[in-house]
N, C-alpha and C. Protein backbone atom coordinates (compact mmCIF):
# COMPACT_ATOMS: atom_id res chain seq x y z
N THR A 1 27.67 135.85 -182.23
CA THR A 1 28.74 136.39 -182.00
C THR A 1 29.20 137.41 -183.11
N ILE A 2 30.15 138.33 -183.00
CA ILE A 2 30.65 139.03 -184.01
C ILE A 2 31.80 138.34 -184.59
N SER A 3 31.84 138.14 -185.84
CA SER A 3 32.96 137.40 -186.52
C SER A 3 34.31 138.27 -186.57
N ARG A 4 35.42 137.86 -186.70
CA ARG A 4 36.67 138.39 -186.68
C ARG A 4 36.72 139.53 -187.61
N LYS A 5 36.19 139.27 -188.97
CA LYS A 5 36.21 140.21 -189.93
C LYS A 5 35.46 141.44 -189.74
N GLY A 6 34.33 141.23 -189.08
CA GLY A 6 33.54 142.33 -188.65
C GLY A 6 34.09 143.21 -187.62
N LEU A 7 34.69 142.57 -186.66
CA LEU A 7 35.28 143.19 -185.51
C LEU A 7 36.57 144.04 -186.07
N MET A 8 37.37 143.42 -186.87
CA MET A 8 38.54 144.19 -187.53
C MET A 8 37.93 145.33 -188.38
N PHE A 9 36.91 145.19 -189.11
CA PHE A 9 36.40 146.19 -189.82
C PHE A 9 35.97 147.35 -188.97
N GLY A 10 35.29 146.98 -187.83
CA GLY A 10 34.91 148.01 -187.02
C GLY A 10 36.13 148.90 -186.30
N ILE A 11 37.11 148.06 -185.98
CA ILE A 11 38.30 148.80 -185.37
C ILE A 11 38.92 149.64 -186.34
N LEU A 12 39.07 149.20 -187.69
CA LEU A 12 39.67 150.10 -188.64
C LEU A 12 38.85 151.20 -189.00
N ALA A 13 37.60 151.05 -189.22
CA ALA A 13 36.67 152.21 -189.32
C ALA A 13 36.66 153.23 -188.27
N GLY A 14 36.72 152.80 -186.99
CA GLY A 14 36.67 153.60 -186.02
C GLY A 14 37.93 154.55 -185.85
N ALA A 15 39.25 153.73 -186.12
CA ALA A 15 40.48 154.43 -186.10
C ALA A 15 40.53 155.31 -187.31
N LEU A 16 40.01 155.06 -188.38
CA LEU A 16 39.99 155.93 -189.49
C LEU A 16 39.14 157.29 -189.21
N ALA A 17 37.95 157.15 -188.54
CA ALA A 17 37.10 158.17 -188.17
C ALA A 17 37.76 158.93 -187.32
N LEU A 18 38.59 158.54 -186.21
CA LEU A 18 39.15 159.45 -185.25
C LEU A 18 40.27 159.98 -185.95
N VAL A 19 41.04 159.46 -186.78
CA VAL A 19 42.22 160.19 -187.52
C VAL A 19 41.61 161.40 -188.42
N LEU A 20 40.37 161.14 -188.96
CA LEU A 20 39.80 162.07 -189.86
C LEU A 20 39.03 163.16 -189.04
N PHE A 21 39.14 163.14 -187.76
CA PHE A 21 38.29 164.12 -187.04
C PHE A 21 38.43 165.59 -187.41
N PRO A 22 39.68 166.05 -187.87
CA PRO A 22 39.92 167.39 -188.12
C PRO A 22 39.09 167.93 -189.56
N VAL A 23 38.81 166.88 -190.34
CA VAL A 23 38.10 167.26 -191.61
C VAL A 23 36.49 167.01 -191.48
N TRP A 24 36.25 166.69 -190.27
CA TRP A 24 34.69 166.52 -189.95
C TRP A 24 34.06 167.87 -190.11
N PRO A 25 32.71 167.96 -190.69
CA PRO A 25 32.03 169.19 -190.59
C PRO A 25 31.94 169.82 -189.28
N PHE A 26 31.81 171.13 -189.22
CA PHE A 26 31.58 171.74 -187.86
C PHE A 26 30.48 171.26 -187.11
N MET A 27 29.44 171.27 -187.85
CA MET A 27 28.05 170.82 -187.12
C MET A 27 28.19 169.57 -186.53
N VAL A 28 28.84 168.66 -187.00
CA VAL A 28 29.20 167.26 -186.37
C VAL A 28 30.05 167.32 -185.09
N LYS A 29 31.21 168.20 -185.35
CA LYS A 29 31.97 168.38 -184.08
C LYS A 29 31.24 169.02 -182.98
N TYR A 30 30.23 170.10 -183.45
CA TYR A 30 29.66 170.75 -182.42
C TYR A 30 28.40 169.84 -181.75
N ALA A 31 27.83 169.10 -182.58
CA ALA A 31 26.92 167.90 -181.83
C ALA A 31 27.63 167.04 -180.97
N ILE A 32 28.86 166.41 -181.28
CA ILE A 32 29.44 165.69 -180.32
C ILE A 32 29.85 166.42 -179.13
N TRP A 33 30.24 167.78 -179.36
CA TRP A 33 30.60 168.53 -178.16
C TRP A 33 29.26 168.76 -177.28
N LEU A 34 28.25 169.13 -177.82
CA LEU A 34 27.11 169.14 -177.08
C LEU A 34 26.51 167.99 -176.14
N VAL A 35 26.79 166.79 -177.01
CA VAL A 35 26.24 165.41 -176.29
C VAL A 35 27.29 165.20 -175.30
N SER A 36 28.45 165.48 -175.16
CA SER A 36 29.41 165.11 -174.17
C SER A 36 29.17 166.16 -173.08
N LEU A 37 28.80 167.35 -173.37
CA LEU A 37 28.62 168.40 -172.23
C LEU A 37 27.24 168.02 -171.54
N TYR A 38 26.25 167.68 -172.23
CA TYR A 38 24.92 167.13 -171.55
C TYR A 38 25.34 165.95 -170.73
N MET A 39 26.08 165.02 -171.11
CA MET A 39 26.36 163.88 -170.36
C MET A 39 27.21 164.14 -169.15
N LEU A 40 28.02 165.04 -169.09
CA LEU A 40 28.92 165.52 -168.10
C LEU A 40 27.94 166.18 -166.97
N ILE A 41 26.96 167.02 -167.48
CA ILE A 41 26.02 167.67 -166.74
C ILE A 41 25.18 166.82 -166.15
N PHE A 42 24.61 165.79 -166.75
CA PHE A 42 23.72 164.74 -166.15
C PHE A 42 24.53 163.89 -165.07
N LEU A 43 25.71 163.58 -165.33
CA LEU A 43 26.45 162.76 -164.40
C LEU A 43 26.86 163.66 -162.96
N ILE A 44 27.14 164.93 -163.21
CA ILE A 44 27.25 165.75 -161.88
C ILE A 44 26.02 165.88 -161.35
N GLY A 45 24.87 166.02 -161.98
CA GLY A 45 23.59 166.22 -161.44
C GLY A 45 23.40 164.92 -160.61
N ILE A 46 23.54 163.78 -161.07
CA ILE A 46 23.28 162.50 -160.53
C ILE A 46 24.11 162.49 -159.14
N LEU A 47 25.43 162.68 -159.37
CA LEU A 47 26.40 162.66 -158.15
C LEU A 47 25.82 163.75 -157.12
N LEU A 48 25.31 164.96 -157.45
CA LEU A 48 25.11 165.84 -156.50
C LEU A 48 23.65 165.39 -155.63
N VAL A 49 22.73 164.77 -156.55
CA VAL A 49 21.39 164.44 -155.90
C VAL A 49 21.89 163.28 -154.81
N ARG A 50 22.75 162.35 -155.33
CA ARG A 50 23.03 161.18 -154.60
C ARG A 50 23.76 161.61 -153.21
N LEU A 51 24.52 162.58 -153.34
CA LEU A 51 25.46 163.13 -152.09
C LEU A 51 24.40 163.84 -151.24
N ILE A 52 23.41 164.58 -151.67
CA ILE A 52 22.46 165.37 -150.91
C ILE A 52 21.51 164.28 -150.33
N VAL A 53 21.13 163.34 -150.82
CA VAL A 53 20.26 162.25 -150.20
C VAL A 53 21.10 161.66 -149.10
N TYR A 54 22.33 161.31 -149.32
CA TYR A 54 23.22 160.50 -148.40
C TYR A 54 23.42 161.29 -147.15
N VAL A 55 23.69 162.79 -147.33
CA VAL A 55 23.73 163.63 -146.24
C VAL A 55 22.50 163.78 -145.30
N VAL A 56 21.34 163.99 -145.98
CA VAL A 56 20.14 164.11 -145.26
C VAL A 56 19.94 162.73 -144.56
N CYS A 57 20.20 161.75 -144.98
CA CYS A 57 19.84 160.44 -144.42
C CYS A 57 20.82 160.14 -143.24
N VAL A 58 22.12 160.63 -143.25
CA VAL A 58 22.94 160.58 -142.25
C VAL A 58 22.67 161.41 -141.05
N VAL A 59 22.18 162.70 -141.54
CA VAL A 59 21.84 163.58 -140.34
C VAL A 59 20.57 163.07 -139.63
N LEU A 60 19.73 162.25 -140.40
CA LEU A 60 18.50 161.77 -139.71
C LEU A 60 18.72 160.35 -138.99
N GLY A 61 19.89 159.88 -139.23
CA GLY A 61 20.30 158.61 -138.44
C GLY A 61 20.07 157.41 -139.27
N TYR A 62 20.01 157.48 -140.59
CA TYR A 62 19.72 156.29 -141.41
C TYR A 62 21.09 156.17 -142.27
N ASN A 63 21.39 154.81 -142.58
CA ASN A 63 22.46 154.54 -143.47
C ASN A 63 22.15 154.05 -144.72
N VAL A 64 21.87 155.03 -145.64
CA VAL A 64 21.16 154.56 -146.94
C VAL A 64 22.21 155.24 -148.03
N TRP A 65 22.45 154.45 -149.03
CA TRP A 65 23.41 155.00 -150.05
C TRP A 65 22.85 154.57 -151.56
N ILE A 66 22.38 155.55 -152.20
CA ILE A 66 21.72 155.30 -153.51
C ILE A 66 22.79 155.02 -154.63
N LEU A 67 22.72 154.20 -155.36
CA LEU A 67 23.54 153.85 -156.61
C LEU A 67 24.94 153.58 -155.98
N PRO A 68 25.39 152.69 -155.15
CA PRO A 68 26.67 152.58 -154.60
C PRO A 68 27.80 152.26 -155.54
N ASN A 69 27.34 151.50 -156.72
CA ASN A 69 28.40 151.11 -157.67
C ASN A 69 28.60 152.02 -158.80
N LEU A 70 28.00 153.30 -158.61
CA LEU A 70 27.94 154.24 -159.90
C LEU A 70 29.43 154.43 -160.54
N LEU A 71 30.48 154.83 -159.54
CA LEU A 71 31.73 155.09 -159.99
C LEU A 71 32.65 154.10 -160.00
N GLY A 72 32.20 152.93 -159.77
CA GLY A 72 33.11 151.69 -159.52
C GLY A 72 33.45 151.24 -160.86
N ASP A 73 34.16 150.21 -161.16
CA ASP A 73 34.78 149.67 -162.31
C ASP A 73 33.90 148.33 -162.44
N TYR A 74 32.52 148.65 -162.92
CA TYR A 74 31.53 147.79 -163.15
C TYR A 74 31.01 147.98 -164.62
N GLY A 75 30.22 147.09 -165.05
CA GLY A 75 29.50 147.13 -166.33
C GLY A 75 28.40 148.28 -166.08
N PHE A 76 27.75 148.48 -167.29
CA PHE A 76 26.68 149.55 -167.29
C PHE A 76 25.66 149.13 -166.26
N PHE A 77 24.97 147.89 -166.49
CA PHE A 77 23.95 147.61 -165.76
C PHE A 77 24.25 147.24 -164.31
N GLU A 78 25.54 146.84 -163.96
CA GLU A 78 25.93 146.51 -162.50
C GLU A 78 26.05 147.86 -161.79
N SER A 79 26.42 148.96 -162.49
CA SER A 79 26.52 150.19 -161.79
C SER A 79 25.29 150.78 -161.06
N PHE A 80 24.17 150.19 -161.49
CA PHE A 80 22.88 150.64 -161.12
C PHE A 80 22.16 149.73 -160.00
N LYS A 81 23.05 148.88 -159.66
CA LYS A 81 22.48 147.66 -158.66
C LYS A 81 23.29 147.66 -157.49
N PRO A 82 22.76 147.55 -156.41
CA PRO A 82 21.19 147.96 -155.92
C PRO A 82 20.94 149.29 -156.14
N PHE A 83 19.71 149.50 -155.98
CA PHE A 83 19.23 150.96 -156.38
C PHE A 83 19.31 151.59 -154.94
N ILE A 84 18.90 150.85 -153.91
CA ILE A 84 19.10 151.44 -152.53
C ILE A 84 19.96 150.43 -151.74
N TYR A 85 20.83 150.86 -151.11
CA TYR A 85 21.72 149.93 -150.27
C TYR A 85 21.71 150.36 -148.84
N ALA A 86 21.15 149.46 -147.88
CA ALA A 86 21.14 149.93 -146.54
C ALA A 86 22.06 149.18 -145.79
């Protein structure tokens, strides 16, 4: 487990990094912006594919829902279980 000193150091370093965000180099800010943009596009893509598969299955008379826990309040790995829910 992480010691209390290590956890406190991590919290303080994270807070200091956030406070000093205005003095970060432009390339670092741009890289963070690009990563967040690509993550948003990826999430919207997953949601659209999931919706299309669900609509097609409902039209064909099946009750299938892919990644039912994706937007729930679960952990990372629990969000992807079960893969197909019937």
